């Protein structure tokens, strides 16, 4: 069964041209599109995009649950079902690492655990991207105290800000997932 997966190939792309010249700054590296990531995460599934508009109270609740800022009031997410059964819910999350953005796709399984993580784009210098094995630490986590740096999540020398930002992103997604599940009243098969 393909439950706890991470695409490592996208992280192993060359960091700089063969000439030894530095990689182009500014735009950063796009590893895959949202559609490509969804196809990898949910093969042979029916995937529907949804948009939720959070109230101020819902954002405050998500912030309290996550322990990190939740700046977005509009949340787009993708619900995947196979033969009528929920496979997972995916969230695209963009956040600042140091001064530039990282965009990730995080899949939450029906038991509210991180099922899959994809690095979609990274605008910081490529040497700030942790190795693929680092991202494996996030898999299987629920929103609890273990999902923090220096708890169950080890830091990365030379990529501390990325590790911190990515872990915060995972906490934010899980908190939003819980708030959206409560908003849906667990009726429409959102969490089950």
N, C-alpha and C. Protein backbone atom coordinates (compact mmCIF):
# COMPACT_ATOMS: atom_id res chain seq x y z
N UNK A 1 0.84 -1.19 0.00
CA UNK A 1 0.00 0.00 0.00
C UNK A 1 0.88 1.24 0.00
N UNK A 2 0.52 2.24 -0.78
CA UNK A 2 1.32 3.45 -0.91
C UNK A 2 0.79 4.52 0.04
N UNK A 3 1.11 4.43 1.32
CA UNK A 3 0.58 5.41 2.24
C UNK A 3 1.60 6.48 2.59
N UNK A 4 2.71 6.13 3.15
CA UNK A 4 3.68 7.13 3.58
C UNK A 4 4.77 7.27 2.53
N UNK A 5 4.55 8.20 1.61
CA UNK A 5 5.46 8.35 0.48
C UNK A 5 6.02 9.75 0.42
N UNK A 6 7.17 9.87 -0.18
CA UNK A 6 7.79 11.16 -0.44
C UNK A 6 8.55 11.05 -1.73
N UNK A 7 8.34 11.99 -2.62
CA UNK A 7 9.09 11.97 -3.87
C UNK A 7 10.44 12.61 -3.64
N UNK A 8 11.47 11.81 -3.63
CA UNK A 8 12.81 12.30 -3.39
C UNK A 8 13.46 12.78 -4.68
N UNK A 9 13.04 12.25 -5.81
CA UNK A 9 13.68 12.62 -7.07
C UNK A 9 13.61 14.11 -7.32
N UNK A 10 12.58 14.78 -6.88
CA UNK A 10 12.47 16.20 -7.15
C UNK A 10 13.50 17.00 -6.37
N UNK A 11 13.99 16.49 -5.28
CA UNK A 11 14.97 17.20 -4.47
C UNK A 11 16.38 16.96 -4.99
N UNK A 12 16.57 15.94 -5.77
CA UNK A 12 17.90 15.60 -6.23
C UNK A 12 18.27 16.27 -7.56
N UNK A 13 17.50 17.24 -7.98
CA UNK A 13 17.82 17.96 -9.20
C UNK A 13 19.12 18.72 -9.01
N UNK A 14 19.89 18.92 -10.09
CA UNK A 14 21.16 19.63 -9.94
C UNK A 14 20.96 21.03 -9.38
N UNK A 15 21.86 21.43 -8.50
CA UNK A 15 21.75 22.73 -7.87
C UNK A 15 22.37 23.83 -8.73
N UNK A 16 23.33 23.52 -9.54
CA UNK A 16 23.99 24.54 -10.34
C UNK A 16 24.36 23.96 -11.70
N UNK A 17 24.51 24.83 -12.69
CA UNK A 17 24.91 24.34 -14.01
C UNK A 17 26.27 23.65 -13.96
N UNK A 18 26.54 22.80 -14.95
CA UNK A 18 27.79 22.04 -14.99
C UNK A 18 29.01 22.96 -15.06
N UNK A 19 28.85 24.18 -15.53
CA UNK A 19 29.97 25.11 -15.65
C UNK A 19 30.50 25.54 -14.29
N UNK A 20 29.76 25.26 -13.23
CA UNK A 20 30.18 25.68 -11.90
C UNK A 20 29.65 27.06 -11.56
N UNK A 21 29.00 27.72 -12.49
CA UNK A 21 28.41 29.02 -12.21
C UNK A 21 27.25 28.84 -11.23
N UNK A 22 27.01 29.85 -10.41
CA UNK A 22 25.90 29.72 -9.46
C UNK A 22 24.57 29.59 -10.18
N UNK A 23 23.63 28.94 -9.52
CA UNK A 23 22.29 28.81 -10.09
C UNK A 23 21.65 30.19 -10.16
N UNK A 24 20.74 30.35 -11.09
CA UNK A 24 20.06 31.64 -11.25
C UNK A 24 19.26 31.98 -10.00
N UNK A 25 19.43 33.19 -9.47
CA UNK A 25 18.67 33.58 -8.29
C UNK A 25 17.26 34.02 -8.66
N UNK A 26 16.62 34.69 -7.79
CA UNK A 26 15.32 35.34 -7.97
C UNK A 26 14.18 34.35 -8.15
N UNK A 27 13.97 33.81 -9.34
CA UNK A 27 12.80 33.00 -9.62
C UNK A 27 12.80 31.70 -8.84
N UNK A 28 13.95 31.14 -8.56
CA UNK A 28 14.02 29.89 -7.83
C UNK A 28 13.76 28.70 -8.73
N UNK A 29 13.62 27.55 -8.13
CA UNK A 29 13.46 26.31 -8.85
C UNK A 29 12.06 25.76 -8.65
N UNK A 30 11.40 25.46 -9.75
CA UNK A 30 10.10 24.81 -9.70
C UNK A 30 10.35 23.34 -9.99
N UNK A 31 9.96 22.48 -9.06
CA UNK A 31 10.21 21.05 -9.20
C UNK A 31 9.05 20.33 -9.88
N UNK A 32 7.83 20.75 -9.58
CA UNK A 32 6.66 20.16 -10.23
C UNK A 32 5.47 21.07 -10.01
N UNK A 33 4.48 20.89 -10.86
CA UNK A 33 3.25 21.67 -10.74
C UNK A 33 2.32 21.02 -9.72
N UNK A 34 1.31 21.75 -9.33
CA UNK A 34 0.30 21.21 -8.42
C UNK A 34 -0.37 20.00 -9.06
N UNK A 35 -0.72 20.10 -10.34
CA UNK A 35 -1.37 18.99 -11.03
C UNK A 35 -0.48 17.74 -11.05
N UNK A 36 0.80 17.92 -11.29
CA UNK A 36 1.72 16.78 -11.30
C UNK A 36 1.81 16.14 -9.91
N UNK A 37 1.88 16.99 -8.88
CA UNK A 37 1.96 16.48 -7.51
C UNK A 37 0.68 15.73 -7.11
N UNK A 38 -0.47 16.28 -7.52
CA UNK A 38 -1.74 15.60 -7.22
C UNK A 38 -1.83 14.26 -7.93
N UNK A 39 -1.35 14.19 -9.18
CA UNK A 39 -1.37 12.93 -9.92
C UNK A 39 -0.49 11.88 -9.23
N UNK A 40 0.65 12.30 -8.69
CA UNK A 40 1.52 11.37 -7.96
C UNK A 40 0.88 10.93 -6.64
N UNK A 41 0.26 11.87 -5.97
CA UNK A 41 -0.31 11.57 -4.66
C UNK A 41 -1.58 10.73 -4.74
N UNK A 42 -2.37 10.95 -5.80
CA UNK A 42 -3.68 10.31 -5.88
C UNK A 42 -3.90 9.61 -7.22
N UNK A 43 -3.12 8.58 -7.53
CA UNK A 43 -3.34 7.88 -8.80
C UNK A 43 -4.71 7.20 -8.81
N UNK A 44 -5.37 7.27 -9.94
CA UNK A 44 -6.67 6.63 -10.14
C UNK A 44 -7.74 7.06 -9.15
N UNK A 45 -7.66 8.30 -8.69
CA UNK A 45 -8.64 8.84 -7.76
C UNK A 45 -9.41 9.98 -8.42
N UNK A 46 -10.58 10.23 -7.90
CA UNK A 46 -11.34 11.42 -8.27
C UNK A 46 -10.91 12.53 -7.33
N UNK A 47 -10.37 13.61 -7.89
CA UNK A 47 -9.87 14.71 -7.07
C UNK A 47 -10.71 15.95 -7.36
N UNK A 48 -11.23 16.54 -6.30
CA UNK A 48 -12.04 17.75 -6.42
C UNK A 48 -11.40 18.88 -5.64
N UNK A 49 -11.29 20.04 -6.29
CA UNK A 49 -10.74 21.22 -5.62
C UNK A 49 -11.87 21.94 -4.88
N UNK A 50 -11.55 22.42 -3.68
CA UNK A 50 -12.51 23.16 -2.86
C UNK A 50 -11.84 24.44 -2.37
N UNK A 51 -12.65 25.41 -2.04
CA UNK A 51 -12.17 26.65 -1.45
C UNK A 51 -12.99 26.92 -0.20
N UNK A 52 -12.30 27.23 0.89
CA UNK A 52 -12.96 27.58 2.15
C UNK A 52 -12.57 29.01 2.51
N UNK A 53 -13.53 29.73 3.03
CA UNK A 53 -13.29 31.09 3.49
C UNK A 53 -13.40 31.09 5.01
N UNK A 54 -12.27 31.31 5.66
CA UNK A 54 -12.23 31.22 7.12
C UNK A 54 -12.66 32.53 7.76
N UNK A 55 -13.41 32.42 8.84
CA UNK A 55 -13.76 33.58 9.63
C UNK A 55 -12.55 33.96 10.49
N UNK A 56 -12.62 35.11 11.11
CA UNK A 56 -11.54 35.54 12.01
C UNK A 56 -11.40 34.54 13.16
N UNK A 57 -12.51 34.04 13.67
CA UNK A 57 -12.46 33.07 14.77
C UNK A 57 -11.84 31.74 14.33
N UNK A 58 -12.15 31.30 13.11
CA UNK A 58 -11.57 30.05 12.60
C UNK A 58 -10.06 30.20 12.41
N UNK A 59 -9.63 31.36 11.92
CA UNK A 59 -8.18 31.60 11.78
C UNK A 59 -7.51 31.62 13.14
N UNK A 60 -8.15 32.24 14.12
CA UNK A 60 -7.59 32.28 15.48
C UNK A 60 -7.50 30.87 16.06
N UNK A 61 -8.52 30.05 15.81
CA UNK A 61 -8.50 28.66 16.30
C UNK A 61 -7.36 27.88 15.64
N UNK A 62 -7.20 28.06 14.32
CA UNK A 62 -6.11 27.37 13.60
C UNK A 62 -4.76 27.82 14.14
N UNK A 63 -4.60 29.10 14.39
CA UNK A 63 -3.34 29.62 14.93
C UNK A 63 -3.06 29.01 16.30
N UNK A 64 -4.08 28.92 17.12
CA UNK A 64 -3.90 28.34 18.46
C UNK A 64 -3.52 26.87 18.36
N UNK A 65 -4.19 26.12 17.49
CA UNK A 65 -3.87 24.70 17.31
C UNK A 65 -2.46 24.50 16.77
N UNK A 66 -2.10 25.30 15.76
CA UNK A 66 -0.80 25.14 15.11
C UNK A 66 0.35 25.68 15.95
N UNK A 67 0.08 26.72 16.71
CA UNK A 67 1.15 27.37 17.45
C UNK A 67 2.00 28.25 16.56
N UNK A 68 1.51 28.53 15.36
CA UNK A 68 2.19 29.41 14.40
C UNK A 68 1.15 30.27 13.71
N UNK A 69 1.59 31.35 13.09
CA UNK A 69 0.68 32.25 12.40
C UNK A 69 -0.08 31.54 11.29
N UNK A 70 -1.32 31.94 11.09
CA UNK A 70 -2.16 31.45 10.00
C UNK A 70 -2.67 32.69 9.27
N UNK A 71 -1.87 33.20 8.32
CA UNK A 71 -2.23 34.47 7.68
C UNK A 71 -3.35 34.37 6.64
N UNK A 72 -3.57 33.20 6.08
CA UNK A 72 -4.53 33.09 4.99
C UNK A 72 -5.96 32.92 5.49
N UNK A 73 -6.87 33.67 4.86
CA UNK A 73 -8.29 33.53 5.16
C UNK A 73 -8.97 32.65 4.11
N UNK A 74 -8.32 32.49 2.96
CA UNK A 74 -8.84 31.66 1.89
C UNK A 74 -7.95 30.42 1.79
N UNK A 75 -8.57 29.24 1.89
CA UNK A 75 -7.82 27.99 1.86
C UNK A 75 -8.34 27.15 0.70
N UNK A 76 -7.43 26.80 -0.20
CA UNK A 76 -7.78 25.88 -1.29
C UNK A 76 -7.22 24.51 -0.93
N UNK A 77 -8.06 23.52 -1.12
CA UNK A 77 -7.63 22.16 -0.80
C UNK A 77 -8.25 21.20 -1.80
N UNK A 78 -7.70 20.01 -1.87
CA UNK A 78 -8.11 19.00 -2.84
C UNK A 78 -8.49 17.74 -2.09
N UNK A 79 -9.71 17.25 -2.33
CA UNK A 79 -10.18 16.03 -1.68
C UNK A 79 -10.15 14.92 -2.72
N UNK A 80 -9.45 13.83 -2.38
CA UNK A 80 -9.32 12.69 -3.30
C UNK A 80 -10.12 11.51 -2.75
N UNK A 81 -10.92 10.95 -3.66
CA UNK A 81 -11.71 9.77 -3.30
C UNK A 81 -11.51 8.70 -4.36
N UNK A 82 -11.59 7.47 -3.91
CA UNK A 82 -11.51 6.32 -4.81
C UNK A 82 -12.66 5.40 -4.46
N UNK A 83 -13.50 5.14 -5.45
CA UNK A 83 -14.68 4.31 -5.26
C UNK A 83 -15.52 4.82 -4.09
N UNK A 84 -15.62 6.14 -3.97
CA UNK A 84 -16.44 6.77 -2.95
C UNK A 84 -15.81 6.89 -1.57
N UNK A 85 -14.60 6.36 -1.40
CA UNK A 85 -13.93 6.41 -0.10
C UNK A 85 -12.83 7.46 -0.11
N UNK A 86 -12.75 8.23 0.96
CA UNK A 86 -11.74 9.26 1.08
C UNK A 86 -10.34 8.64 1.11
N UNK A 87 -9.47 9.14 0.25
CA UNK A 87 -8.07 8.70 0.21
C UNK A 87 -7.20 9.70 0.95
N UNK A 88 -7.47 10.98 0.76
CA UNK A 88 -6.69 12.01 1.42
C UNK A 88 -7.12 13.39 1.00
N UNK A 89 -6.61 14.38 1.71
CA UNK A 89 -6.87 15.78 1.42
C UNK A 89 -5.53 16.48 1.27
N UNK A 90 -5.36 17.19 0.16
CA UNK A 90 -4.08 17.85 -0.13
C UNK A 90 -4.22 19.36 0.00
N UNK A 91 -3.17 19.96 0.51
CA UNK A 91 -3.10 21.40 0.68
C UNK A 91 -1.82 21.91 0.03
N UNK A 92 -1.93 23.00 -0.72
CA UNK A 92 -0.74 23.67 -1.26
C UNK A 92 -0.47 24.82 -0.32
N UNK A 93 0.75 24.89 0.20
CA UNK A 93 1.10 25.89 1.19
C UNK A 93 2.36 26.60 0.75
N UNK A 94 2.28 27.92 0.61
CA UNK A 94 3.45 28.74 0.26
C UNK A 94 3.80 29.58 1.48
N UNK A 95 5.08 29.65 1.77
CA UNK A 95 5.54 30.40 2.94
C UNK A 95 6.96 30.89 2.70
N UNK A 96 7.35 31.90 3.45
CA UNK A 96 8.70 32.45 3.35
C UNK A 96 9.65 31.61 4.19
N UNK A 97 10.82 31.32 3.63
CA UNK A 97 11.84 30.58 4.38
C UNK A 97 12.75 31.58 5.08
N UNK A 98 13.49 32.33 4.32
CA UNK A 98 14.37 33.37 4.85
C UNK A 98 13.85 34.69 4.30
N UNK A 99 14.05 34.90 3.00
CA UNK A 99 13.49 36.09 2.34
C UNK A 99 12.69 35.69 1.11
N UNK A 100 12.80 34.44 0.70
CA UNK A 100 12.12 33.95 -0.50
C UNK A 100 11.18 32.80 -0.11
N UNK A 101 10.32 32.41 -1.07
CA UNK A 101 9.27 31.43 -0.78
C UNK A 101 9.64 29.99 -1.11
N UNK A 102 8.99 29.12 -0.38
CA UNK A 102 8.97 27.69 -0.61
C UNK A 102 7.49 27.33 -0.77
N UNK A 103 7.17 26.47 -1.73
CA UNK A 103 5.80 26.00 -1.90
C UNK A 103 5.80 24.49 -1.79
N UNK A 104 4.90 23.97 -0.97
CA UNK A 104 4.83 22.53 -0.73
C UNK A 104 3.40 22.05 -0.92
N UNK A 105 3.27 20.77 -1.18
CA UNK A 105 1.97 20.10 -1.18
C UNK A 105 2.03 19.08 -0.06
N UNK A 106 1.07 19.18 0.84
CA UNK A 106 1.01 18.26 1.97
C UNK A 106 -0.31 17.51 1.90
N UNK A 107 -0.24 16.18 1.92
CA UNK A 107 -1.43 15.34 1.90
C UNK A 107 -1.69 14.83 3.30
N UNK A 108 -2.93 15.01 3.74
CA UNK A 108 -3.36 14.54 5.06
C UNK A 108 -4.28 13.34 4.84
N UNK A 109 -4.01 12.24 5.53
CA UNK A 109 -4.81 11.03 5.35
C UNK A 109 -6.12 11.12 6.13
N UNK A 110 -7.01 10.15 5.99
CA UNK A 110 -8.31 10.20 6.70
C UNK A 110 -8.19 10.17 8.22
N UNK A 111 -7.04 9.79 8.75
CA UNK A 111 -6.83 9.79 10.20
C UNK A 111 -6.09 11.05 10.67
N UNK A 112 -6.03 12.07 9.79
CA UNK A 112 -5.42 13.37 10.11
C UNK A 112 -3.92 13.29 10.38
N UNK A 113 -3.24 12.42 9.63
CA UNK A 113 -1.78 12.33 9.69
C UNK A 113 -1.20 12.78 8.34
N UNK A 114 0.02 13.26 8.36
CA UNK A 114 0.68 13.63 7.11
C UNK A 114 0.99 12.35 6.36
N UNK A 115 0.43 12.24 5.18
CA UNK A 115 0.59 11.03 4.37
C UNK A 115 1.67 11.20 3.31
N UNK A 116 1.78 12.42 2.78
CA UNK A 116 2.72 12.65 1.69
C UNK A 116 3.16 14.10 1.72
N UNK A 117 4.39 14.33 1.29
CA UNK A 117 4.95 15.68 1.24
C UNK A 117 5.67 15.84 -0.09
N UNK A 118 5.37 16.92 -0.79
CA UNK A 118 6.06 17.23 -2.05
C UNK A 118 6.57 18.65 -2.00
N UNK A 119 7.82 18.83 -2.33
CA UNK A 119 8.40 20.16 -2.50
C UNK A 119 8.11 20.59 -3.92
N UNK A 120 7.27 21.63 -4.08
CA UNK A 120 6.88 22.08 -5.41
C UNK A 120 7.83 23.12 -5.97
N UNK A 121 8.21 24.09 -5.15
CA UNK A 121 9.15 25.11 -5.61
C UNK A 121 9.94 25.65 -4.42
N UNK A 122 11.12 26.18 -4.75
CA UNK A 122 12.02 26.68 -3.72
C UNK A 122 12.81 27.84 -4.31
N UNK A 123 12.60 29.06 -3.78
CA UNK A 123 13.25 30.24 -4.35
C UNK A 123 14.52 30.64 -3.61
N UNK A 124 14.78 30.05 -2.46
CA UNK A 124 16.04 30.31 -1.75
C UNK A 124 17.17 29.59 -2.50
N UNK A 125 18.42 29.86 -2.16
CA UNK A 125 19.52 29.12 -2.79
C UNK A 125 19.35 27.61 -2.58
N UNK A 126 19.66 26.81 -3.59
CA UNK A 126 19.41 25.36 -3.51
C UNK A 126 20.15 24.66 -2.37
N UNK A 127 21.24 25.22 -1.89
CA UNK A 127 21.95 24.56 -0.79
C UNK A 127 21.15 24.62 0.52
N UNK A 128 20.06 25.40 0.54
CA UNK A 128 19.21 25.46 1.72
C UNK A 128 18.10 24.42 1.70
N UNK A 129 18.08 23.55 0.70
CA UNK A 129 17.08 22.48 0.64
C UNK A 129 17.63 21.27 1.41
N UNK A 130 16.90 20.82 2.43
CA UNK A 130 17.35 19.62 3.14
C UNK A 130 17.31 18.40 2.22
N UNK A 131 18.05 17.38 2.59
CA UNK A 131 18.00 16.12 1.82
C UNK A 131 16.62 15.51 1.94
N UNK A 132 16.29 14.67 0.97
CA UNK A 132 14.98 14.02 0.94
C UNK A 132 14.65 13.27 2.22
N UNK A 133 15.65 12.66 2.83
CA UNK A 133 15.40 11.89 4.05
C UNK A 133 14.92 12.78 5.19
N UNK A 134 15.30 14.04 5.18
CA UNK A 134 14.83 14.94 6.23
C UNK A 134 13.31 15.06 6.18
N UNK A 135 12.74 15.19 4.98
CA UNK A 135 11.29 15.35 4.83
C UNK A 135 10.52 14.12 5.30
N UNK A 136 11.15 12.95 5.28
CA UNK A 136 10.49 11.72 5.74
C UNK A 136 10.06 11.82 7.20
N UNK A 137 10.73 12.66 7.98
CA UNK A 137 10.38 12.82 9.39
C UNK A 137 8.96 13.32 9.59
N UNK A 138 8.46 14.06 8.61
CA UNK A 138 7.12 14.65 8.73
C UNK A 138 6.02 13.61 8.54
N UNK A 139 6.32 12.57 7.80
CA UNK A 139 5.31 11.58 7.44
C UNK A 139 4.80 10.82 8.66
N UNK A 140 3.49 10.63 8.70
CA UNK A 140 2.86 9.89 9.78
C UNK A 140 2.53 10.75 10.99
N UNK A 141 2.96 12.01 10.98
CA UNK A 141 2.70 12.88 12.13
C UNK A 141 1.30 13.44 12.13
N UNK A 142 0.76 13.55 13.32
CA UNK A 142 -0.48 14.28 13.59
C UNK A 142 -0.06 15.64 14.16
N UNK A 143 -1.04 16.47 14.43
CA UNK A 143 -0.77 17.76 15.05
C UNK A 143 -0.62 17.54 16.55
N UNK A 144 0.62 17.34 16.98
CA UNK A 144 0.91 17.14 18.39
C UNK A 144 2.26 17.77 18.70
N UNK A 145 2.70 17.68 19.95
CA UNK A 145 3.96 18.30 20.36
C UNK A 145 5.17 17.69 19.67
N UNK A 146 5.08 16.45 19.22
CA UNK A 146 6.20 15.82 18.54
C UNK A 146 6.54 16.47 17.21
N UNK A 147 5.56 17.11 16.59
CA UNK A 147 5.77 17.76 15.29
C UNK A 147 6.35 19.15 15.52
N UNK A 148 7.56 19.15 16.03
CA UNK A 148 8.32 20.37 16.29
C UNK A 148 9.80 20.07 16.13
N UNK A 149 10.55 21.10 15.74
CA UNK A 149 12.00 20.94 15.69
C UNK A 149 12.51 20.63 17.09
N UNK A 150 13.52 19.80 17.15
CA UNK A 150 14.15 19.37 18.40
C UNK A 150 13.24 18.50 19.27
N UNK A 151 12.14 18.06 18.70
CA UNK A 151 11.31 17.03 19.34
C UNK A 151 11.47 15.81 18.43
N UNK A 152 10.40 15.46 17.67
CA UNK A 152 10.50 14.34 16.73
C UNK A 152 11.18 14.76 15.43
N UNK A 153 11.25 16.04 15.15
CA UNK A 153 11.82 16.55 13.90
C UNK A 153 13.22 17.10 14.19
N UNK A 154 14.21 16.48 13.56
CA UNK A 154 15.59 16.91 13.72
C UNK A 154 15.85 18.13 12.84
N UNK A 155 16.70 19.01 13.31
CA UNK A 155 17.10 20.16 12.53
C UNK A 155 18.10 19.76 11.45
N UNK A 156 18.48 20.72 10.64
CA UNK A 156 19.42 20.47 9.55
C UNK A 156 20.48 21.55 9.58
N UNK A 157 21.74 21.18 9.76
CA UNK A 157 22.82 22.15 9.72
C UNK A 157 22.89 22.77 8.32
N UNK A 158 22.89 24.07 8.27
CA UNK A 158 22.96 24.77 6.99
C UNK A 158 21.60 25.01 6.36
N UNK A 159 20.56 24.43 6.92
CA UNK A 159 19.21 24.64 6.39
C UNK A 159 18.20 24.79 7.54
N UNK A 160 18.66 25.41 8.62
CA UNK A 160 17.82 25.56 9.80
C UNK A 160 16.54 26.32 9.51
N UNK A 161 16.65 27.42 8.77
CA UNK A 161 15.46 28.22 8.47
C UNK A 161 14.47 27.44 7.62
N UNK A 162 14.96 26.62 6.69
CA UNK A 162 14.07 25.79 5.87
C UNK A 162 13.38 24.76 6.74
N UNK A 163 14.13 24.11 7.61
CA UNK A 163 13.54 23.10 8.50
C UNK A 163 12.47 23.72 9.38
N UNK A 164 12.75 24.90 9.91
CA UNK A 164 11.78 25.59 10.76
C UNK A 164 10.53 25.97 9.96
N UNK A 165 10.73 26.59 8.80
CA UNK A 165 9.59 27.03 7.98
C UNK A 165 8.75 25.85 7.51
N UNK A 166 9.40 24.76 7.12
CA UNK A 166 8.67 23.58 6.63
C UNK A 166 7.89 22.91 7.75
N UNK A 167 8.48 22.82 8.93
CA UNK A 167 7.78 22.23 10.07
C UNK A 167 6.59 23.09 10.46
N UNK A 168 6.76 24.40 10.45
CA UNK A 168 5.64 25.30 10.74
C UNK A 168 4.53 25.13 9.70
N UNK A 169 4.93 24.97 8.45
CA UNK A 169 3.96 24.76 7.38
C UNK A 169 3.15 23.50 7.64
N UNK A 170 3.81 22.42 8.03
CA UNK A 170 3.12 21.16 8.33
C UNK A 170 2.13 21.34 9.48
N UNK A 171 2.54 22.06 10.52
CA UNK A 171 1.65 22.32 11.65
C UNK A 171 0.44 23.16 11.21
N UNK A 172 0.70 24.17 10.37
CA UNK A 172 -0.38 25.04 9.89
C UNK A 172 -1.39 24.25 9.07
N UNK A 173 -0.90 23.38 8.18
CA UNK A 173 -1.79 22.57 7.35
C UNK A 173 -2.65 21.64 8.21
N UNK A 174 -2.05 20.98 9.17
CA UNK A 174 -2.81 20.08 10.03
C UNK A 174 -3.85 20.84 10.86
N UNK A 175 -3.50 22.04 11.31
CA UNK A 175 -4.46 22.86 12.06
C UNK A 175 -5.61 23.30 11.15
N UNK A 176 -5.29 23.74 9.94
CA UNK A 176 -6.34 24.12 8.99
C UNK A 176 -7.23 22.93 8.66
N UNK A 177 -6.62 21.76 8.53
CA UNK A 177 -7.39 20.55 8.24
C UNK A 177 -8.41 20.29 9.37
N UNK A 178 -7.98 20.45 10.60
CA UNK A 178 -8.87 20.23 11.73
C UNK A 178 -10.00 21.27 11.76
N UNK A 179 -9.64 22.53 11.52
CA UNK A 179 -10.64 23.60 11.52
C UNK A 179 -11.64 23.40 10.37
N UNK A 180 -11.14 23.04 9.20
CA UNK A 180 -12.04 22.82 8.06
C UNK A 180 -12.93 21.60 8.28
N UNK A 181 -12.41 20.58 8.95
CA UNK A 181 -13.23 19.41 9.27
C UNK A 181 -14.35 19.78 10.21
N UNK A 182 -14.06 20.64 11.18
CA UNK A 182 -15.09 21.10 12.11
C UNK A 182 -16.09 21.98 11.37
N UNK A 183 -15.59 22.80 10.46
CA UNK A 183 -16.46 23.69 9.68
C UNK A 183 -17.43 22.87 8.83
N UNK A 184 -16.93 21.78 8.26
CA UNK A 184 -17.78 20.90 7.43
C UNK A 184 -18.70 20.04 8.29
N UNK A 185 -18.46 20.06 9.59
CA UNK A 185 -19.29 19.27 10.50
C UNK A 185 -19.10 17.78 10.31
N UNK A 186 -18.00 17.38 9.67
CA UNK A 186 -17.68 15.97 9.44
C UNK A 186 -18.76 15.28 8.61
N UNK A 187 -19.66 16.05 7.96
CA UNK A 187 -20.78 15.45 7.25
C UNK A 187 -20.45 15.03 5.85
N UNK A 188 -19.75 15.84 5.11
CA UNK A 188 -19.59 15.60 3.67
C UNK A 188 -18.42 14.67 3.36
N UNK A 189 -18.04 13.85 4.31
CA UNK A 189 -16.93 12.94 4.05
C UNK A 189 -15.60 13.64 4.05
N UNK A 190 -15.52 14.81 4.67
CA UNK A 190 -14.28 15.59 4.66
C UNK A 190 -13.15 14.84 5.35
N UNK A 191 -13.42 14.33 6.51
CA UNK A 191 -12.37 13.63 7.24
C UNK A 191 -12.53 12.11 7.19
N UNK A 192 -13.63 11.62 6.73
CA UNK A 192 -13.83 10.16 6.68
C UNK A 192 -14.29 9.75 5.32
